[in-house]
PDB file of all heavy atoms in Angstrom:
ATOM      1  N   CYS A   1      75.542  -1.222  36.256  1.00  0.00           N
ATOM      2  CA  CYS A   1      74.441  -2.092  36.672  1.00  0.00           C
ATOM      3  C   CYS A   1      74.816  -3.563  36.562  1.00  0.00           C
ATOM      4  O   CYS A   1      73.996  -4.438  36.861  1.00  0.00           O
ATOM      5  CB  CYS A   1      73.205  -1.814  35.806  1.00  0.00           C
ATOM      6  SG  CYS A   1      73.381  -2.367  34.088  1.00  0.00           S
ATOM      7  N   LEU A   2      76.054  -3.849  36.157  1.00  0.00           N
ATOM      8  CA  LEU A   2      76.444  -5.228  35.900  1.00  0.00           C
ATOM      9  C   LEU A   2      77.844  -5.487  36.431  1.00  0.00           C
ATOM     10  O   LEU A   2      78.723  -4.638  36.303  1.00  0.00           O
ATOM     11  CB  LEU A   2      76.419  -5.473  34.382  1.00  0.00           C
ATOM     12  CG  LEU A   2      76.510  -6.905  33.882  1.00  0.00           C
ATOM     13  CD1 LEU A   2      75.299  -7.713  34.332  1.00  0.00           C
ATOM     14  CD2 LEU A   2      76.595  -6.909  32.354  1.00  0.00           C
ATOM     15  N   GLU A   3      78.045  -6.656  37.027  1.00  0.00           N
ATOM     16  CA  GLU A   3      79.381  -7.047  37.486  1.00  0.00           C
ATOM     17  C   GLU A   3      79.520  -8.566  37.420  1.00  0.00           C
ATOM     18  O   GLU A   3      78.560  -9.297  37.715  1.00  0.00           O
ATOM     19  CB  GLU A   3      79.623  -6.573  38.921  1.00  0.00           C
ATOM     20  CG  GLU A   3      81.010  -6.898  39.475  1.00  0.00           C
ATOM     21  CD  GLU A   3      82.126  -6.207  38.715  1.00  0.00           C
ATOM     22  OE1 GLU A   3      82.436  -6.646  37.583  1.00  0.00           O
ATOM     23  OE2 GLU A   3      82.677  -5.217  39.249  1.00  0.00           O
ATOM     24  N   VAL A   4      80.667  -9.033  36.990  1.00  0.00           N
ATOM     25  CA  VAL A   4      81.010 -10.453  36.998  1.00  0.00           C
ATOM     26  C   VAL A   4      82.452 -10.561  37.475  1.00  0.00           C
ATOM     27  O   VAL A   4      83.315  -9.802  37.041  1.00  0.00           O
ATOM     28  CB  VAL A   4      80.880 -11.099  35.602  1.00  0.00           C
ATOM     29  CG1 VAL A   4      81.332 -12.552  35.639  1.00  0.00           C
ATOM     30  CG2 VAL A   4      79.447 -11.015  35.099  1.00  0.00           C
ATOM     31  N   THR A   5      82.704 -11.488  38.382  1.00  0.00           N
ATOM     32  CA  THR A   5      84.073 -11.703  38.847  1.00  0.00           C
ATOM     33  C   THR A   5      84.534 -13.097  38.457  1.00  0.00           C
ATOM     34  O   THR A   5      83.750 -14.059  38.493  1.00  0.00           O
ATOM     35  CB  THR A   5      84.183 -11.552  40.375  1.00  0.00           C
ATOM     36  OG1 THR A   5      83.337 -12.509  41.000  1.00  0.00           O
ATOM     37  CG2 THR A   5      83.806 -10.150  40.804  1.00  0.00           C
ATOM     38  N   ALA A   6      85.793 -13.199  38.061  1.00  0.00           N
ATOM     39  CA  ALA A   6      86.420 -14.488  37.767  1.00  0.00           C
ATOM     40  C   ALA A   6      87.573 -14.659  38.747  1.00  0.00           C
ATOM     41  O   ALA A   6      88.515 -13.859  38.744  1.00  0.00           O
ATOM     42  CB  ALA A   6      86.913 -14.528  36.327  1.00  0.00           C
ATOM     43  N   THR A   7      87.500 -15.675  39.582  1.00  0.00           N
ATOM     44  CA  THR A   7      88.564 -15.932  40.552  1.00  0.00           C
ATOM     45  C   THR A   7      89.609 -16.835  39.907  1.00  0.00           C
ATOM     46  O   THR A   7      89.315 -17.982  39.547  1.00  0.00           O
ATOM     47  CB  THR A   7      88.005 -16.609  41.811  1.00  0.00           C
ATOM     48  OG1 THR A   7      87.020 -15.746  42.402  1.00  0.00           O
ATOM     49  CG2 THR A   7      89.111 -16.868  42.820  1.00  0.00           C
ATOM     50  N   MET A   8      90.805 -16.309  39.737  1.00  0.00           N
ATOM     51  CA  MET A   8      91.890 -17.032  39.077  1.00  0.00           C
ATOM     52  C   MET A   8      92.762 -17.706  40.132  1.00  0.00           C
ATOM     53  O   MET A   8      93.290 -17.034  41.026  1.00  0.00           O
ATOM     54  CB  MET A   8      92.736 -16.068  38.249  1.00  0.00           C
ATOM     55  CG  MET A   8      91.965 -14.940  37.589  1.00  0.00           C
ATOM     56  SD  MET A   8      90.940 -15.478  36.217  1.00  0.00           S
ATOM     57  CE  MET A   8      92.166 -15.515  34.922  1.00  0.00           C
ATOM     58  N   LEU A   9      92.932 -19.013  40.019  1.00  0.00           N
ATOM     59  CA  LEU A   9      93.742 -19.771  40.959  1.00  0.00           C
ATOM     60  C   LEU A   9      94.970 -20.338  40.253  1.00  0.00           C
ATOM     61  O   LEU A   9      94.840 -21.034  39.237  1.00  0.00           O
ATOM     62  CB  LEU A   9      92.927 -20.914  41.575  1.00  0.00           C
ATOM     63  CG  LEU A   9      91.735 -20.522  42.455  1.00  0.00           C
ATOM     64  CD1 LEU A   9      91.033 -21.775  42.965  1.00  0.00           C
ATOM     65  CD2 LEU A   9      92.183 -19.644  43.619  1.00  0.00           C
ATOM     66  N   ASN A  10      96.129 -20.043  40.772  1.00  0.00           N
ATOM     67  CA  ASN A  10      97.380 -20.561  40.234  1.00  0.00           C
ATOM     68  C   ASN A  10      97.522 -22.022  40.660  1.00  0.00           C
ATOM     69  O   ASN A  10      97.650 -22.332  41.847  1.00  0.00           O
ATOM     70  CB  ASN A  10      98.548 -19.726  40.778  1.00  0.00           C
ATOM     71  CG  ASN A  10      99.885 -20.153  40.205  1.00  0.00           C
ATOM     72  OD1 ASN A  10     100.006 -21.161  39.515  1.00  0.00           O
ATOM     73  ND2 ASN A  10     100.915 -19.365  40.488  1.00  0.00           N
ATOM     74  N   ILE A  11      97.504 -22.939  39.684  1.00  0.00           N
ATOM     75  CA  ILE A  11      97.617 -24.364  40.023  1.00  0.00           C
ATOM     76  C   ILE A  11      98.926 -24.960  39.503  1.00  0.00           C
ATOM     77  O   ILE A  11      99.010 -26.178  39.283  1.00  0.00           O
ATOM     78  CB  ILE A  11      96.411 -25.185  39.512  1.00  0.00           C
ATOM     79  CG1 ILE A  11      96.262 -25.044  37.992  1.00  0.00           C
ATOM     80  CG2 ILE A  11      95.146 -24.786  40.242  1.00  0.00           C
ATOM     81  CD1 ILE A  11      95.299 -26.073  37.399  1.00  0.00           C
ATOM     82  N   ASN A  12      99.927 -24.133  39.280  1.00  0.00           N
ATOM     83  CA  ASN A  12     101.243 -24.696  39.050  1.00  0.00           C
ATOM     84  C   ASN A  12     101.667 -25.459  40.296  1.00  0.00           C
ATOM     85  O   ASN A  12     101.305 -25.094  41.424  1.00  0.00           O
ATOM     86  CB  ASN A  12     102.252 -23.588  38.739  1.00  0.00           C
ATOM     87  CG  ASN A  12     102.154 -23.133  37.294  1.00  0.00           C
ATOM     88  OD1 ASN A  12     102.252 -23.939  36.371  1.00  0.00           O
ATOM     89  ND2 ASN A  12     101.953 -21.836  37.091  1.00  0.00           N
ATOM     90  N   HIS A  13     102.435 -26.515  40.079  1.00  0.00           N
ATOM     91  CA  HIS A  13     102.829 -27.362  41.207  1.00  0.00           C
ATOM     92  C   HIS A  13     103.549 -26.536  42.271  1.00  0.00           C
ATOM     93  O   HIS A  13     104.467 -25.769  41.968  1.00  0.00           O
ATOM     94  CB  HIS A  13     103.740 -28.492  40.727  1.00  0.00           C
ATOM     95  CG  HIS A  13     104.049 -29.495  41.791  1.00  0.00           C
ATOM     96  ND1 HIS A  13     103.063 -30.174  42.468  1.00  0.00           N
ATOM     97  CD2 HIS A  13     105.231 -29.922  42.302  1.00  0.00           C
ATOM     98  CE1 HIS A  13     103.617 -30.981  43.347  1.00  0.00           C
ATOM     99  NE2 HIS A  13     104.928 -30.859  43.271  1.00  0.00           N
ATOM    100  N   GLY A  14     103.080 -26.676  43.518  1.00  0.00           N
ATOM    101  CA  GLY A  14     103.664 -25.916  44.618  1.00  0.00           C
ATOM    102  C   GLY A  14     102.871 -24.689  44.993  1.00  0.00           C
ATOM    103  O   GLY A  14     103.174 -24.027  45.991  1.00  0.00           O
ATOM    104  N   HIS A  15     101.832 -24.346  44.211  1.00  0.00           N
ATOM    105  CA  HIS A  15     100.988 -23.194  44.509  1.00  0.00           C
ATOM    106  C   HIS A  15      99.602 -23.664  44.968  1.00  0.00           C
ATOM    107  O   HIS A  15      99.139 -24.722  44.563  1.00  0.00           O
ATOM    108  CB  HIS A  15     100.860 -22.288  43.283  1.00  0.00           C
ATOM    109  CG  HIS A  15     102.146 -21.646  42.876  1.00  0.00           C
ATOM    110  ND1 HIS A  15     102.571 -20.441  43.389  1.00  0.00           N
ATOM    111  CD2 HIS A  15     103.119 -22.064  42.036  1.00  0.00           C
ATOM    112  CE1 HIS A  15     103.735 -20.126  42.864  1.00  0.00           C
ATOM    113  NE2 HIS A  15     104.101 -21.092  42.036  1.00  0.00           N
ATOM    114  N   ASN A  16      98.963 -22.851  45.785  1.00  0.00           N
ATOM    115  CA  ASN A  16      97.658 -23.195  46.357  1.00  0.00           C
ATOM    116  C   ASN A  16      97.676 -24.630  46.888  1.00  0.00           C
ATOM    117  O   ASN A  16      96.764 -25.430  46.636  1.00  0.00           O
ATOM    118  CB  ASN A  16      96.550 -23.005  45.312  1.00  0.00           C
ATOM    119  CG  ASN A  16      96.153 -21.547  45.174  1.00  0.00           C
ATOM    120  OD1 ASN A  16      95.720 -20.911  46.125  1.00  0.00           O
ATOM    121  ND2 ASN A  16      96.324 -21.012  43.974  1.00  0.00           N
ATOM    122  N   GLN A  17      98.731 -24.935  47.622  1.00  0.00           N
ATOM    123  CA  GLN A  17      98.968 -26.300  48.063  1.00  0.00           C
ATOM    124  C   GLN A  17      97.861 -26.831  48.969  1.00  0.00           C
ATOM    125  O   GLN A  17      97.564 -28.027  48.961  1.00  0.00           O
ATOM    126  CB  GLN A  17     100.314 -26.388  48.787  1.00  0.00           C
ATOM    127  CG  GLN A  17     100.847 -27.801  48.931  1.00  0.00           C
ATOM    128  CD  GLN A  17     101.038 -28.495  47.590  1.00  0.00           C
ATOM    129  OE1 GLN A  17     101.629 -27.931  46.674  1.00  0.00           O
ATOM    130  NE2 GLN A  17     100.519 -29.720  47.473  1.00  0.00           N
ATOM    131  N   GLU A  18      97.216 -25.944  49.710  1.00  0.00           N
ATOM    132  CA  GLU A  18      96.143 -26.388  50.597  1.00  0.00           C
ATOM    133  C   GLU A  18      95.009 -27.012  49.794  1.00  0.00           C
ATOM    134  O   GLU A  18      94.426 -28.031  50.198  1.00  0.00           O
ATOM    135  CB  GLU A  18      95.625 -25.209  51.424  1.00  0.00           C
ATOM    136  CG  GLU A  18      94.560 -25.604  52.441  1.00  0.00           C
ATOM    137  CD  GLU A  18      94.094 -24.426  53.283  1.00  0.00           C
ATOM    138  OE1 GLU A  18      94.693 -23.327  53.174  1.00  0.00           O
ATOM    139  OE2 GLU A  18      93.139 -24.608  54.056  1.00  0.00           O
ATOM    140  N   ILE A  19      94.696 -26.409  48.660  1.00  0.00           N
ATOM    141  CA  ILE A  19      93.646 -26.953  47.794  1.00  0.00           C
ATOM    142  C   ILE A  19      94.115 -28.258  47.151  1.00  0.00           C
ATOM    143  O   ILE A  19      93.377 -29.249  47.098  1.00  0.00           O
ATOM    144  CB  ILE A  19      93.258 -25.930  46.710  1.00  0.00           C
ATOM    145  CG1 ILE A  19      92.627 -24.687  47.351  1.00  0.00           C
ATOM    146  CG2 ILE A  19      92.304 -26.550  45.697  1.00  0.00           C
ATOM    147  CD1 ILE A  19      92.360 -23.563  46.380  1.00  0.00           C
ATOM    148  N   LEU A  20      95.364 -28.267  46.666  1.00  0.00           N
ATOM    149  CA  LEU A  20      95.890 -29.468  46.013  1.00  0.00           C
ATOM    150  C   LEU A  20      95.953 -30.643  46.983  1.00  0.00           C
ATOM    151  O   LEU A  20      95.714 -31.793  46.589  1.00  0.00           O
ATOM    152  CB  LEU A  20      97.271 -29.187  45.438  1.00  0.00           C
ATOM    153  CG  LEU A  20      97.350 -28.100  44.345  1.00  0.00           C
ATOM    154  CD1 LEU A  20      98.775 -27.964  43.823  1.00  0.00           C
ATOM    155  CD2 LEU A  20      96.397 -28.406  43.200  1.00  0.00           C
ATOM    156  N   ASN A  21      96.254 -30.368  48.238  1.00  0.00           N
ATOM    157  CA  ASN A  21      96.314 -31.444  49.232  1.00  0.00           C
ATOM    158  C   ASN A  21      94.962 -32.110  49.427  1.00  0.00           C
ATOM    159  O   ASN A  21      94.881 -33.291  49.786  1.00  0.00           O
ATOM    160  CB  ASN A  21      96.802 -30.902  50.579  1.00  0.00           C
ATOM    161  CG  ASN A  21      98.278 -30.536  50.554  1.00  0.00           C
ATOM    162  OD1 ASN A  21      99.026 -30.973  49.678  1.00  0.00           O
ATOM    163  ND2 ASN A  21      98.696 -29.716  51.511  1.00  0.00           N
ATOM    164  N   LYS A  22      93.889 -31.368  49.194  1.00  0.00           N
ATOM    165  CA  LYS A  22      92.548 -31.898  49.397  1.00  0.00           C
ATOM    166  C   LYS A  22      91.958 -32.511  48.126  1.00  0.00           C
ATOM    167  O   LYS A  22      90.873 -33.103  48.172  1.00  0.00           O
ATOM    168  CB  LYS A  22      91.618 -30.793  49.900  1.00  0.00           C
ATOM    169  CG  LYS A  22      92.001 -30.257  51.274  1.00  0.00           C
ATOM    170  CD  LYS A  22      91.081 -29.124  51.693  1.00  0.00           C
ATOM    171  CE  LYS A  22      91.471 -28.572  53.062  1.00  0.00           C
ATOM    172  NZ  LYS A  22      90.601 -27.442  53.475  1.00  0.00           N
ATOM    173  N   CYS A  23      92.656 -32.326  47.012  1.00  0.00           N
ATOM    174  CA  CYS A  23      92.195 -32.906  45.745  1.00  0.00           C
ATOM    175  C   CYS A  23      93.403 -33.533  45.057  1.00  0.00           C
ATOM    176  O   CYS A  23      94.115 -32.871  44.299  1.00  0.00           O
ATOM    177  CB  CYS A  23      91.544 -31.846  44.862  1.00  0.00           C
ATOM    178  SG  CYS A  23      90.830 -32.525  43.348  1.00  0.00           S
ATOM    179  N   SER A  24      93.624 -34.803  45.321  1.00  0.00           N
ATOM    180  CA  SER A  24      94.851 -35.472  44.877  1.00  0.00           C
ATOM    181  C   SER A  24      94.984 -35.515  43.360  1.00  0.00           C
ATOM    182  O   SER A  24      96.087 -35.371  42.823  1.00  0.00           O
ATOM    183  CB  SER A  24      94.902 -36.896  45.446  1.00  0.00           C
ATOM    184  OG  SER A  24      93.765 -37.637  45.035  1.00  0.00           O
ATOM    185  N   LYS A  25      93.869 -35.683  42.656  1.00  0.00           N
ATOM    186  CA  LYS A  25      93.950 -35.769  41.192  1.00  0.00           C
ATOM    187  C   LYS A  25      94.385 -34.441  40.580  1.00  0.00           C
ATOM    188  O   LYS A  25      95.123 -34.424  39.594  1.00  0.00           O
ATOM    189  CB  LYS A  25      92.596 -36.174  40.610  1.00  0.00           C
ATOM    190  CG  LYS A  25      92.287 -37.654  40.735  1.00  0.00           C
ATOM    191  CD  LYS A  25      93.322 -38.510  40.024  1.00  0.00           C
ATOM    192  CE  LYS A  25      92.980 -39.985  40.154  1.00  0.00           C
ATOM    193  NZ  LYS A  25      94.106 -40.847  39.782  1.00  0.00           N
ATOM    194  N   LEU A  26      93.929 -33.344  41.157  1.00  0.00           N
ATOM    195  CA  LEU A  26      94.357 -32.047  40.647  1.00  0.00           C
ATOM    196  C   LEU A  26      95.852 -31.862  40.882  1.00  0.00           C
ATOM    197  O   LEU A  26      96.570 -31.351  40.015  1.00  0.00           O
ATOM    198  CB  LEU A  26      93.568 -30.922  41.317  1.00  0.00           C
ATOM    199  CG  LEU A  26      93.895 -29.506  40.824  1.00  0.00           C
ATOM    200  CD1 LEU A  26      93.596 -29.366  39.339  1.00  0.00           C
ATOM    201  CD2 LEU A  26      93.102 -28.468  41.614  1.00  0.00           C
ATOM    202  N   GLU A  27      96.331 -32.284  42.036  1.00  0.00           N
ATOM    203  CA  GLU A  27      97.768 -32.179  42.299  1.00  0.00           C
ATOM    204  C   GLU A  27      98.564 -33.061  41.343  1.00  0.00           C
ATOM    205  O   GLU A  27      99.612 -32.650  40.825  1.00  0.00           O
ATOM    206  CB  GLU A  27      98.084 -32.566  43.743  1.00  0.00           C
ATOM    207  CG  GLU A  27      99.575 -32.440  44.040  1.00  0.00           C
ATOM    208  CD  GLU A  27      99.910 -32.627  45.499  1.00  0.00           C
ATOM    209  OE1 GLU A  27      99.160 -33.340  46.180  1.00  0.00           O
ATOM    210  OE2 GLU A  27     100.925 -32.063  45.950  1.00  0.00           O
ATOM    211  N   GLU A  28      98.075 -34.266  41.079  1.00  0.00           N
ATOM    212  CA  GLU A  28      98.766 -35.145  40.136  1.00  0.00           C
ATOM    213  C   GLU A  28      98.796 -34.525  38.739  1.00  0.00           C
ATOM    214  O   GLU A  28      99.792 -34.649  38.015  1.00  0.00           O
ATOM    215  CB  GLU A  28      98.075 -36.507  40.099  1.00  0.00           C
ATOM    216  CG  GLU A  28      98.255 -37.305  41.380  1.00  0.00           C
ATOM    217  CD  GLU A  28      97.484 -38.614  41.367  1.00  0.00           C
ATOM    218  OE1 GLU A  28      97.213 -39.126  40.261  1.00  0.00           O
ATOM    219  OE2 GLU A  28      97.142 -39.120  42.452  1.00  0.00           O
ATOM    220  N   TYR A  29      97.713 -33.862  38.378  1.00  0.00           N
ATOM    221  CA  TYR A  29      97.682 -33.172  37.088  1.00  0.00           C
ATOM    222  C   TYR A  29      98.769 -32.100  37.012  1.00  0.00           C
ATOM    223  O   TYR A  29      99.469 -31.967  36.007  1.00  0.00           O
ATOM    224  CB  TYR A  29      96.307 -32.549  36.860  1.00  0.00           C
ATOM    225  CG  TYR A  29      96.266 -31.551  35.737  1.00  0.00           C
ATOM    226  CD1 TYR A  29      96.243 -31.964  34.411  1.00  0.00           C
ATOM    227  CD2 TYR A  29      96.253 -30.177  36.003  1.00  0.00           C
ATOM    228  CE1 TYR A  29      96.217 -31.044  33.376  1.00  0.00           C
ATOM    229  CE2 TYR A  29      96.226 -29.259  34.980  1.00  0.00           C
ATOM    230  CZ  TYR A  29      96.210 -29.691  33.663  1.00  0.00           C
ATOM    231  OH  TYR A  29      96.191 -28.771  32.649  1.00  0.00           O
ATOM    232  N   THR A  30      98.922 -31.326  38.086  1.00  0.00           N
ATOM    233  CA  THR A  30      99.940 -30.275  38.088  1.00  0.00           C
ATOM    234  C   THR A  30     101.345 -30.868  37.982  1.00  0.00           C
ATOM    235  O   THR A  30     102.225 -30.279  37.343  1.00  0.00           O
ATOM    236  CB  THR A  30      99.841 -29.406  39.364  1.00  0.00           C
ATOM    237  OG1 THR A  30     100.201 -30.169  40.502  1.00  0.00           O
ATOM    238  CG2 THR A  30      98.449 -28.831  39.533  1.00  0.00           C
ATOM    239  N   ILE A  31     101.551 -32.028  38.576  1.00  0.00           N
ATOM    240  CA  ILE A  31     102.857 -32.687  38.478  1.00  0.00           C
ATOM    241  C   ILE A  31     103.099 -33.170  37.054  1.00  0.00           C
ATOM    242  O   ILE A  31     104.201 -33.039  36.508  1.00  0.00           O
ATOM    243  CB  ILE A  31     102.936 -33.871  39.471  1.00  0.00           C
ATOM    244  CG1 ILE A  31     102.860 -33.348  40.911  1.00  0.00           C
ATOM    245  CG2 ILE A  31     104.221 -34.666  39.266  1.00  0.00           C
ATOM    246  CD1 ILE A  31     102.747 -34.451  41.960  1.00  0.00           C
ATOM    247  N   PHE A  32     102.056 -33.703  36.428  1.00  0.00           N
ATOM    248  CA  PHE A  32     102.183 -34.158  35.041  1.00  0.00           C
ATOM    249  C   PHE A  32     102.582 -33.003  34.126  1.00  0.00           C
ATOM    250  O   PHE A  32     103.484 -33.136  33.289  1.00  0.00           O
ATOM    251  CB  PHE A  32     100.868 -34.775  34.571  1.00  0.00           C
ATOM    252  CG  PHE A  32     100.857 -35.129  33.109  1.00  0.00           C
ATOM    253  CD1 PHE A  32     101.525 -36.256  32.651  1.00  0.00           C
ATOM    254  CD2 PHE A  32     100.184 -34.332  32.189  1.00  0.00           C
ATOM    255  CE1 PHE A  32     101.526 -36.579  31.301  1.00  0.00           C
ATOM    256  CE2 PHE A  32     100.182 -34.650  30.845  1.00  0.00           C
ATOM    257  CZ  PHE A  32     100.850 -35.782  30.394  1.00  0.00           C
ATOM    258  N   VAL A  33     101.922 -31.855  34.294  1.00  0.00           N
ATOM    259  CA  VAL A  33     102.254 -30.671  33.484  1.00  0.00           C
ATOM    260  C   VAL A  33     103.708 -30.271  33.713  1.00  0.00           C
ATOM    261  O   VAL A  33     104.448 -29.951  32.769  1.00  0.00           O
ATOM    262  CB  VAL A  33     101.307 -29.497  33.818  1.00  0.00           C
ATOM    263  CG1 VAL A  33     101.784 -28.209  33.149  1.00  0.00           C
ATOM    264  CG2 VAL A  33      99.887 -29.822  33.392  1.00  0.00           C
ATOM    265  N   GLU A  34     104.119 -30.292  34.962  1.00  0.00           N
ATOM    266  CA  GLU A  34     105.496 -29.937  35.289  1.00  0.00           C
ATOM    267  C   GLU A  34     106.484 -30.890  34.630  1.00  0.00           C
ATOM    268  O   GLU A  34     107.534 -30.465  34.119  1.00  0.00           O
ATOM    269  CB  GLU A  34     105.686 -29.973  36.808  1.00  0.00           C
ATOM    270  CG  GLU A  34     107.069 -29.531  37.274  1.00  0.00           C
ATOM    271  CD  GLU A  34     107.205 -29.632  38.782  1.00  0.00           C
ATOM    272  OE1 GLU A  34     106.912 -30.713  39.326  1.00  0.00           O
ATOM    273  OE2 GLU A  34     107.591 -28.639  39.411  1.00  0.00           O
ATOM    274  N   ARG A  35     106.161 -32.199  34.574  1.00  0.00           N
ATOM    275  CA  ARG A  35     107.057 -33.176  33.954  1.00  0.00           C
ATOM    276  C   ARG A  35     107.138 -32.967  32.443  1.00  0.00           C
ATOM    277  O   ARG A  35     108.211 -33.094  31.846  1.00  0.00           O
ATOM    278  CB  ARG A  35     106.585 -34.609  34.252  1.00  0.00           C
ATOM    279  CG  ARG A  35     106.529 -34.992  35.712  1.00  0.00           C
ATOM    280  CD  ARG A  35     107.791 -34.585  36.450  1.00  0.00           C
ATOM    281  NE  ARG A  35     108.964 -35.314  35.976  1.00  0.00           N
ATOM    282  CZ  ARG A  35     110.215 -34.949  36.218  1.00  0.00           C
ATOM    283  NH1 ARG A  35     110.458 -33.849  36.920  1.00  0.00           N
ATOM    284  NH2 ARG A  35     111.212 -35.663  35.754  1.00  0.00           N
ATOM    285  N   VAL A  36     106.023 -32.643  31.807  1.00  0.00           N
ATOM    286  CA  VAL A  36     106.052 -32.378  30.365  1.00  0.00           C
ATOM    287  C   VAL A  36     106.943 -31.178  30.071  1.00  0.00           C
ATOM    288  O   VAL A  36     107.769 -31.196  29.153  1.00  0.00           O
ATOM    289  CB  VAL A  36     104.633 -32.146  29.813  1.00  0.00           C
ATOM    290  CG1 VAL A  36     104.694 -31.756  28.335  1.00  0.00           C
ATOM    291  CG2 VAL A  36     103.789 -33.397  29.977  1.00  0.00           C
ATOM    292  N   ARG A  37     106.793 -30.131  30.860  1.00  0.00           N
ATOM    293  CA  ARG A  37     107.631 -28.946  30.663  1.00  0.00           C
ATOM    294  C   ARG A  37     109.105 -29.282  30.867  1.00  0.00           C
ATOM    295  O   ARG A  37     109.979 -28.772  30.153  1.00  0.00           O
ATOM    296  CB  ARG A  37     107.206 -27.841  31.637  1.00  0.00           C
ATOM    297  CG  ARG A  37     105.885 -27.189  31.275  1.00  0.00           C
ATOM    298  CD  ARG A  37     105.445 -26.220  32.343  1.00  0.00           C
ATOM    299  NE  ARG A  37     104.222 -25.521  31.966  1.00  0.00           N
ATOM    300  CZ  ARG A  37     103.481 -24.812  32.804  1.00  0.00           C
ATOM    301  NH1 ARG A  37     103.826 -24.723  34.084  1.00  0.00           N
ATOM    302  NH2 ARG A  37     102.385 -24.206  32.382  1.00  0.00           N
ATOM    303  N   PHE A  38     109.372 -30.124  31.832  1.00  0.00           N
ATOM    304  CA  PHE A  38     110.754 -30.512  32.111  1.00  0.00           C
ATOM    305  C   PHE A  38     111.376 -31.165  30.884  1.00  0.00           C
ATOM    306  O   PHE A  38     112.500 -30.828  30.483  1.00  0.00           O
ATOM    307  CB  PHE A  38     110.784 -31.474  33.306  1.00  0.00           C
ATOM    308  CG  PHE A  38     112.128 -32.089  33.556  1.00  0.00           C
ATOM    309  CD1 PHE A  38     113.117 -31.374  34.229  1.00  0.00           C
ATOM    310  CD2 PHE A  38     112.411 -33.377  33.109  1.00  0.00           C
ATOM    311  CE1 PHE A  38     114.370 -31.948  34.450  1.00  0.00           C
ATOM    312  CE2 PHE A  38     113.651 -33.950  33.337  1.00  0.00           C
ATOM    313  CZ  PHE A  38     114.632 -33.236  34.004  1.00  0.00           C
TER     314      PHE A  38
END
């Protein structure tokens, strides 16, 4: 009688690029994370 869905989006740099292209701050965030890991 119950259902909940969670849509998981991969936002590592280079993934879901169409969304990142439309939200520049989110893309910049993914680049920052990538630089820290580097």
